[in-house]
Amino acid sequence: MHIICFTVPYPPDYGGVIDLFWKLPALQKAGILIHLHCFDYGRGVQNELNKYCTAVHYYKRKTGLAGIHFSMPYIVASRKNDTLLNCLLQDNYPILMEGIHSTFLLNDVRFNHRKKIVRLHNVEYNYYKHLSQTATSFFKKIYCLAESFLLKKHEQKIINKASLFLTVTTKDKITYEQDLYCTNAHYLPLFIPNNWMIDIDESQGKYCLYQADLSVQVNEQAAIWLLQNVFYNSEIPFVIAGKNPSEKLKNIIAKSKNVVLQPNPSENEMNNLIKEAQINILPSFSNTGIKLKLLHALFIGKFCIVNNATIEGTGLDDLCHIANTSKEMQEKIEQLFMQKITTAEIELRKLKLQSIYNNTLNAEQLIQYIYS
């Protein structure tokens, strides 16, 4: 089969790439020969991918003005590539497109007869609408609004042109069915790292933790909201950890008591931070897709406090503590900070997480969807 990735899926060092990469060894183990096509705009050639794929092809993404198309979303138009299209036309293998980003070929009549599957990582037009609401610059706000408008038009246009849409949450499936009248959407859980096992330290934690890619504006916004609305007058230690925090965030943290910043932690350092936290607190301002950082925390962390936007459609409600206002979060933190996680809670996580996020079973399900 062909798989088109919107980026180079290695190393799997952030949430958007984890599902892309760990799908490859799972499919290979199931006997699938993978022809991988990926767009490179900074990650470079990765020889590790050759271990799992029969062939790996790299294409340059058109960035800036070269990628703009006034009737197509930028994330799609910037990945239109004739060399890739010609390569795909050399055989009749099924085509799996990772993300709406990779769906430019659905408007090409030469592929009408092909089996074409779209892996939806979230509802993109809703995601960009949310980004426009949180953008601080006027240009970014206008860009995200325009992209949201074009994405919805594009997604409406391709609904009947793909054989199948596979969502990462049941909520995204329902959104596609209700808003876009999609009749061929199915839920398929994320593929996760093979070494993710339930490994929870039952000793008392010493701090609360918020962890994310802090260079992403919505994540920085969540960190600032926690600082200013939940921990502003708290005696409980609070750690914020993640990639590339801005000077703005650093300055706010420097003025906050009982708050420590851990910038750019290594994988091992992040694992230790999650395991040693008493509470992983993970609010979100976007309710599309699934948050990998939540799954990571549930596999190795103690208590998790989330809001509805983080948990909606994931089926993980019974593994988390839900709080939607700053007052509710403060109350939950006070309640949980001196408690110990129980063996029963850990066993529930094992039962649920290891049955849902089973790469072998999910690869078999994906193969059935594609070849049935």
Protein backbone atom coordinates (compact mmCIF):
# COMPACT_ATOMS: atom_id res chain seq x y z
CA MET A 1 0.00 0.00 0.00
CA HIS A 2 0.95 3.64 -0.44
CA ILE A 3 1.03 5.95 2.60
CA ILE A 4 1.29 9.71 2.10
CA CYS A 5 2.54 11.60 5.17
CA PHE A 6 2.19 15.35 5.50
CA THR A 7 5.68 15.44 7.08
CA VAL A 8 8.62 13.12 7.60
CA PRO A 9 7.32 10.77 10.34
CA TYR A 10 10.64 10.32 12.12
CA PRO A 11 11.76 10.96 14.77
CA PRO A 12 8.36 10.55 16.50
CA ASP A 13 9.14 13.41 18.88
CA TYR A 14 5.82 15.28 18.96
CA GLY A 15 2.16 14.35 19.09
CA GLY A 16 1.33 14.86 15.43
CA VAL A 17 3.95 12.35 14.26
CA ILE A 18 3.54 9.54 16.80
CA ASP A 19 0.49 7.95 15.11
CA LEU A 20 2.15 8.29 11.68
CA PHE A 21 5.37 6.56 12.68
CA TRP A 22 4.12 3.74 14.93
CA LYS A 23 1.61 2.68 12.29
CA LEU A 24 4.55 1.65 10.07
CA PRO A 25 6.10 -1.17 12.18
CA ALA A 26 2.59 -2.40 13.09
CA LEU A 27 1.59 -2.72 9.43
CA GLN A 28 4.94 -4.24 8.47
CA LYS A 29 4.56 -6.85 11.22
CA ALA A 30 1.12 -7.68 9.78
CA GLY A 31 2.71 -8.37 6.37
CA ILE A 32 1.97 -5.12 4.53
CA LEU A 33 4.59 -3.80 2.07
CA ILE A 34 4.63 -0.02 2.54
CA HIS A 35 5.53 2.53 -0.11
CA LEU A 36 5.96 5.69 1.98
CA HIS A 37 5.73 9.20 0.57
CA CYS A 38 6.54 12.13 2.85
CA PHE A 39 6.89 15.88 2.57
CA ASP A 40 10.13 17.31 3.90
CA TYR A 41 10.29 20.87 5.12
CA GLY A 42 13.08 20.65 7.67
CA ARG A 43 13.22 17.13 9.14
CA GLY A 44 15.38 15.66 6.37
CA VAL A 45 16.00 12.12 5.11
CA GLN A 46 15.57 9.55 7.90
CA ASN A 47 17.19 6.15 7.25
CA GLU A 48 15.23 4.63 10.14
CA LEU A 49 12.15 4.62 7.91
CA ASN A 50 13.82 2.17 5.52
CA LYS A 51 13.51 -0.54 8.20
CA TYR A 52 9.73 -0.55 7.89
CA CYS A 53 9.06 0.41 4.27
CA THR A 54 9.72 -1.19 0.89
CA ALA A 55 10.38 2.28 -0.52
CA VAL A 56 10.58 5.79 0.95
CA HIS A 57 10.10 8.86 -1.24
CA TYR A 58 10.69 12.47 -0.16
CA TYR A 59 9.11 15.57 -1.68
CA LYS A 60 9.71 19.22 -0.97
CA ARG A 61 6.70 21.06 0.36
CA LYS A 62 5.97 24.37 -1.38
CA THR A 63 6.16 27.04 1.29
CA GLY A 64 5.31 30.72 1.24
CA LEU A 65 3.77 32.19 -1.91
CA ALA A 66 4.57 29.06 -3.94
CA GLY A 67 2.13 27.07 -1.81
CA ILE A 68 -0.81 29.48 -2.00
CA HIS A 69 -3.90 28.52 -4.00
CA PHE A 70 -6.91 30.79 -3.64
CA SER A 71 -9.50 28.00 -3.89
CA MET A 72 -7.67 25.34 -1.87
CA PRO A 73 -6.39 25.33 1.72
CA TYR A 74 -2.71 26.17 2.08
CA ILE A 75 -1.97 22.96 4.00
CA VAL A 76 -3.32 20.99 0.98
CA ALA A 77 -2.13 23.15 -1.94
CA SER A 78 1.42 23.35 -0.58
CA ARG A 79 1.64 19.54 -0.85
CA LYS A 80 0.38 19.17 -4.42
CA ASN A 81 3.18 17.39 -6.26
CA ASP A 82 3.10 15.99 -9.82
CA THR A 83 6.04 13.65 -9.21
CA LEU A 84 4.12 12.02 -6.37
CA LEU A 85 0.94 11.73 -8.46
CA ASN A 86 2.82 10.07 -11.31
CA CYS A 87 4.46 7.63 -8.89
CA LEU A 88 1.09 6.64 -7.44
CA LEU A 89 -0.30 6.03 -10.93
CA GLN A 90 2.29 3.33 -11.66
CA ASP A 91 0.25 0.67 -9.82
CA ASN A 92 -3.17 0.02 -8.32
CA TYR A 93 -2.27 -0.25 -4.60
CA PRO A 94 -4.56 1.31 -1.96
CA ILE A 95 -3.58 4.81 -0.85
CA LEU A 96 -3.68 5.95 2.78
CA MET A 97 -3.50 9.75 3.15
CA GLU A 98 -2.32 10.97 6.55
CA GLY A 99 -4.30 14.09 7.39
CA ILE A 100 -6.41 16.38 5.22
CA HIS A 101 -3.02 17.89 4.30
CA SER A 102 -2.34 14.92 1.98
CA THR A 103 -5.67 14.80 0.12
CA PHE A 104 -4.88 16.86 -3.00
CA LEU A 105 -5.21 13.73 -5.21
CA LEU A 106 -8.90 13.28 -4.33
CA ASN A 107 -9.77 15.99 -6.88
CA ASP A 108 -7.84 14.17 -9.63
CA VAL A 109 -10.13 12.01 -11.82
CA ARG A 110 -7.25 9.64 -12.60
CA PHE A 111 -7.66 8.24 -9.07
CA ASN A 112 -11.42 7.73 -9.20
CA HIS A 113 -11.10 3.94 -9.36
CA ARG A 114 -8.54 3.64 -6.56
CA LYS A 115 -9.08 2.60 -2.93
CA LYS A 116 -8.41 5.86 -1.04
CA ILE A 117 -8.42 6.18 2.76
CA VAL A 118 -8.05 9.43 4.73
CA ARG A 119 -6.70 9.33 8.28
CA LEU A 120 -8.19 12.36 10.05
CA HIS A 121 -5.99 13.61 12.90
CA ASN A 122 -8.64 16.15 13.87
CA VAL A 123 -11.42 18.19 12.25
CA GLU A 124 -9.15 20.69 10.52
CA TYR A 125 -11.69 23.41 9.75
CA ASN A 126 -12.73 23.51 13.42
CA TYR A 127 -9.09 23.45 14.52
CA TYR A 128 -8.19 26.46 12.36
CA LYS A 129 -11.34 28.29 13.45
CA HIS A 130 -10.18 27.86 17.02
CA LEU A 131 -6.66 29.04 16.11
CA SER A 132 -8.16 32.22 14.64
CA GLN A 133 -9.93 32.89 17.94
CA THR A 134 -6.75 32.54 19.99
CA ALA A 135 -4.32 34.23 17.55
CA THR A 136 -2.69 37.37 18.92
CA SER A 137 -1.56 38.86 15.59
CA PHE A 138 -4.05 40.29 13.07
CA PHE A 139 -2.30 38.52 10.15
CA LYS A 140 -2.42 35.13 11.90
CA LYS A 141 -6.09 35.62 12.76
CA ILE A 142 -7.02 36.43 9.14
CA TYR A 143 -4.91 33.54 7.80
CA CYS A 144 -6.54 31.01 10.15
CA LEU A 145 -10.05 32.26 9.37
CA ALA A 146 -9.39 32.00 5.64
CA GLU A 147 -7.84 28.55 6.05
CA SER A 148 -10.82 27.38 8.12
CA PHE A 149 -13.22 28.56 5.39
CA LEU A 150 -11.23 26.87 2.61
CA LEU A 151 -10.78 23.69 4.66
CA LYS A 152 -14.50 23.28 5.21
CA LYS A 153 -15.17 23.78 1.49
CA HIS A 154 -12.43 21.27 0.64
CA GLU A 155 -13.61 18.70 3.17
CA GLN A 156 -17.20 19.00 1.91
CA LYS A 157 -15.94 18.52 -1.64
CA ILE A 158 -13.97 15.34 -0.93
CA ILE A 159 -16.53 13.58 1.32
CA ASN A 160 -17.75 11.38 -1.53
CA LYS A 161 -14.36 10.98 -3.20
CA ALA A 162 -12.57 8.95 -0.52
CA SER A 163 -13.40 5.30 0.13
CA LEU A 164 -13.10 5.77 3.88
CA PHE A 165 -12.36 8.31 6.62
CA LEU A 166 -10.70 7.10 9.84
CA THR A 167 -10.96 9.37 12.89
CA VAL A 168 -8.91 9.38 16.11
CA THR A 169 -11.93 10.07 18.36
CA THR A 170 -15.61 9.22 18.26
CA LYS A 171 -16.40 12.94 18.51
CA ASP A 172 -14.59 13.66 15.24
CA LYS A 173 -16.53 10.81 13.62
CA ILE A 174 -19.83 12.31 14.81
CA THR A 175 -18.78 15.78 13.61
CA TYR A 176 -18.07 14.42 10.12
CA GLU A 177 -21.39 12.60 10.07
CA GLN A 178 -23.50 15.49 11.35
CA ASP A 179 -21.79 18.53 9.82
CA LEU A 180 -20.52 17.06 6.53
CA TYR A 181 -23.04 14.22 6.08
CA CYS A 182 -20.25 11.70 5.81
CA THR A 183 -21.49 8.10 5.65
CA ASN A 184 -18.15 6.30 5.57
CA ALA A 185 -16.34 7.49 8.72
CA HIS A 186 -15.01 5.02 11.28
CA TYR A 187 -13.12 5.41 14.55
CA LEU A 188 -9.64 3.87 14.68
CA PRO A 189 -7.55 4.48 17.85
CA LEU A 190 -4.11 6.06 17.68
CA PHE A 191 -1.00 3.98 17.16
CA ILE A 192 1.31 4.57 20.13
CA PRO A 193 4.97 3.83 20.95
CA ASN A 194 5.64 0.12 21.42
CA ASN A 195 7.33 0.80 24.77
CA TRP A 196 4.30 2.55 26.28
CA MET A 197 3.16 0.33 29.14
CA ILE A 198 1.27 1.16 32.32
CA ASP A 199 4.10 2.05 34.69
CA ILE A 200 2.83 4.21 37.54
CA ASP A 201 4.81 5.11 40.64
CA GLU A 202 2.41 4.79 43.58
CA SER A 203 4.45 7.02 45.91
CA GLN A 204 3.31 10.53 46.77
CA GLY A 205 4.11 13.16 44.14
CA LYS A 206 5.51 16.57 45.00
CA TYR A 207 4.10 18.95 42.37
CA CYS A 208 1.51 19.56 39.65
CA LEU A 209 2.69 19.42 36.03
CA TYR A 210 1.58 21.00 32.77
CA GLN A 211 3.54 19.63 29.80
CA ALA A 212 3.25 20.55 26.13
CA ASP A 213 5.07 21.96 23.13
CA LEU A 214 5.22 25.48 24.52
CA SER A 215 6.11 27.01 21.14
CA VAL A 216 2.52 26.29 20.03
CA GLN A 217 0.39 29.31 20.83
CA VAL A 218 -2.65 27.42 22.17
CA ASN A 219 -0.38 25.48 24.56
CA GLU A 220 1.27 28.66 25.78
CA GLN A 221 -2.19 30.13 26.27
CA ALA A 222 -3.21 27.14 28.42
CA ALA A 223 -0.03 27.49 30.53
CA ILE A 224 -0.66 31.20 31.08
CA TRP A 225 -4.31 30.54 31.94
CA LEU A 226 -3.22 28.03 34.60
CA LEU A 227 -0.68 30.49 36.03
CA GLN A 228 -3.09 33.40 36.17
CA ASN A 229 -6.31 31.62 37.12
CA VAL A 230 -5.47 28.39 38.98
CA PHE A 231 -2.02 28.70 40.58
CA TYR A 232 -1.83 32.50 41.04
CA ASN A 233 -2.21 32.29 44.83
CA SER A 234 -1.37 28.65 45.47
CA GLU A 235 1.21 27.16 47.81
CA ILE A 236 1.30 23.93 45.78
CA PRO A 237 4.42 23.61 43.57
CA PHE A 238 3.70 23.85 39.85
CA VAL A 239 6.04 22.74 37.03
CA ILE A 240 5.62 23.79 33.40
CA ALA A 241 7.67 21.70 30.95
CA GLY A 242 8.02 21.63 27.18
CA LYS A 243 9.71 22.76 24.01
CA ASN A 244 10.86 26.29 23.27
CA PRO A 245 9.00 28.49 25.77
CA SER A 246 8.72 32.12 24.69
CA GLU A 247 10.24 35.06 26.53
CA LYS A 248 6.71 36.15 27.37
CA LEU A 249 6.02 32.86 29.17
CA LYS A 250 9.42 32.91 30.88
CA ASN A 251 8.74 36.40 32.24
CA ILE A 252 5.31 35.45 33.59
CA ILE A 253 6.75 32.34 35.27
CA ALA A 254 9.60 34.37 36.79
CA LYS A 255 7.02 36.54 38.58
CA SER A 256 5.03 33.53 39.85
CA LYS A 257 5.74 31.90 43.20
CA ASN A 258 6.06 28.13 43.55
CA VAL A 259 6.38 27.75 39.75
CA VAL A 260 9.33 26.16 37.94
CA LEU A 261 9.96 26.09 34.19
CA GLN A 262 11.64 23.04 32.62
CA PRO A 263 12.48 24.09 29.05
CA ASN A 264 13.25 21.50 26.37
CA PRO A 265 13.44 18.40 28.58
CA SER A 266 14.84 15.21 27.03
CA GLU A 267 12.52 12.23 26.57
CA ASN A 268 13.84 10.64 29.77
CA GLU A 269 13.53 13.91 31.69
CA MET A 270 9.94 14.36 30.52
CA ASN A 271 9.07 10.78 31.50
CA ASN A 272 10.48 11.40 34.98
CA LEU A 273 8.59 14.69 35.32
CA ILE A 274 5.30 12.97 34.41
CA LYS A 275 5.92 9.98 36.70
CA GLU A 276 6.96 12.08 39.70
CA ALA A 277 4.11 14.61 39.46
CA GLN A 278 1.24 14.13 41.88
CA ILE A 279 -1.15 15.66 39.33
CA ASN A 280 -0.82 16.08 35.57
CA ILE A 281 -3.09 18.99 34.77
CA LEU A 282 -3.98 19.20 31.07
CA PRO A 283 -6.67 21.70 30.10
CA SER A 284 -7.29 22.35 26.41
CA PHE A 285 -9.04 25.08 24.47
CA SER A 286 -9.64 22.85 21.43
CA ASN A 287 -11.92 19.81 21.41
CA THR A 288 -10.88 18.15 18.13
CA GLY A 289 -8.51 15.20 17.84
CA ILE A 290 -6.91 13.53 20.84
CA LYS A 291 -4.13 14.86 23.04
CA LEU A 292 -1.11 12.52 23.04
CA LYS A 293 0.16 14.21 26.20
CA LEU A 294 -2.99 13.00 27.99
CA LEU A 295 -2.40 9.41 26.89
CA HIS A 296 1.25 9.66 27.92
CA ALA A 297 0.23 10.92 31.37
CA LEU A 298 -2.34 8.16 31.79
CA PHE A 299 0.22 5.47 30.95
CA ILE A 300 2.90 6.60 33.41
CA GLY A 301 1.50 9.41 35.56
CA LYS A 302 -0.61 9.56 38.69
CA PHE A 303 -3.77 11.70 38.76
CA CYS A 304 -4.90 13.61 35.66
CA ILE A 305 -7.10 16.70 35.77
CA VAL A 306 -8.62 17.73 32.43
CA ASN A 307 -11.49 19.79 31.09
CA ASN A 308 -14.24 18.62 28.75
CA ALA A 309 -12.41 19.90 25.66
CA THR A 310 -9.45 17.62 26.45
CA ILE A 311 -11.48 14.49 27.06
CA GLU A 312 -14.53 14.78 24.78
CA GLY A 313 -14.90 11.87 22.38
CA THR A 314 -11.89 9.96 23.73
CA GLY A 315 -13.78 7.49 25.92
CA LEU A 316 -11.26 8.14 28.70
CA ASP A 317 -13.56 10.09 31.03
CA ASP A 318 -13.49 7.46 33.77
CA LEU A 319 -9.67 7.59 33.97
CA CYS A 320 -9.50 11.35 34.59
CA HIS A 321 -10.79 13.99 36.97
CA ILE A 322 -12.80 16.61 35.08
CA ALA A 323 -12.85 20.31 35.98
CA ASN A 324 -13.98 23.08 33.64
CA THR A 325 -13.47 26.26 35.65
CA SER A 326 -10.53 27.62 37.57
CA LYS A 327 -12.41 27.14 40.83
CA GLU A 328 -13.21 23.52 40.01
CA MET A 329 -9.56 22.89 39.15
CA GLN A 330 -8.38 24.45 42.41
CA GLU A 331 -10.80 22.25 44.35
CA LYS A 332 -9.71 19.10 42.50
CA ILE A 333 -6.04 19.93 43.10
CA GLU A 334 -6.63 20.44 46.83
CA GLN A 335 -8.57 17.16 46.96
CA LEU A 336 -6.01 15.03 45.08
CA PHE A 337 -2.69 16.51 46.13
CA MET A 338 -2.48 14.55 49.39
CA GLN A 339 -4.13 11.35 48.11
CA LYS A 340 -2.38 8.23 46.85
CA ILE A 341 -3.43 6.63 43.61
CA THR A 342 -4.96 3.23 44.30
CA THR A 343 -4.19 -0.18 42.83
CA ALA A 344 -7.79 -0.31 41.56
CA GLU A 345 -7.30 2.92 39.59
CA ILE A 346 -4.10 1.57 38.05
CA GLU A 347 -5.77 -1.73 37.12
CA LEU A 348 -8.61 0.18 35.43
CA ARG A 349 -6.08 2.02 33.30
CA LYS A 350 -4.40 -1.26 32.33
CA LEU A 351 -7.73 -2.81 31.38
CA LYS A 352 -8.89 0.12 29.29
CA LEU A 353 -5.76 1.62 27.73
CA GLN A 354 -4.09 -1.64 26.74
CA SER A 355 -7.26 -2.86 25.04
CA ILE A 356 -7.97 0.36 23.11
CA TYR A 357 -4.38 1.28 22.19
CA ASN A 358 -3.20 -2.08 20.93
CA ASN A 359 -1.09 -1.54 17.80
CA THR A 360 -1.39 -5.16 16.65
CA LEU A 361 -5.19 -5.24 16.86
CA ASN A 362 -5.54 -1.76 15.37
CA ALA A 363 -3.27 -2.67 12.44
CA GLU A 364 -5.49 -5.70 11.77
CA GLN A 365 -8.55 -3.45 11.90
CA LEU A 366 -6.95 -0.98 9.48
CA ILE A 367 -6.10 -3.80 7.07
CA GLN A 368 -9.69 -5.05 7.19
CA TYR A 369 -10.96 -1.55 6.40
CA ILE A 370 -8.58 -1.22 3.45
CA TYR A 371 -8.80 -4.66 1.86
CA SER A 372 -12.38 -5.73 2.64
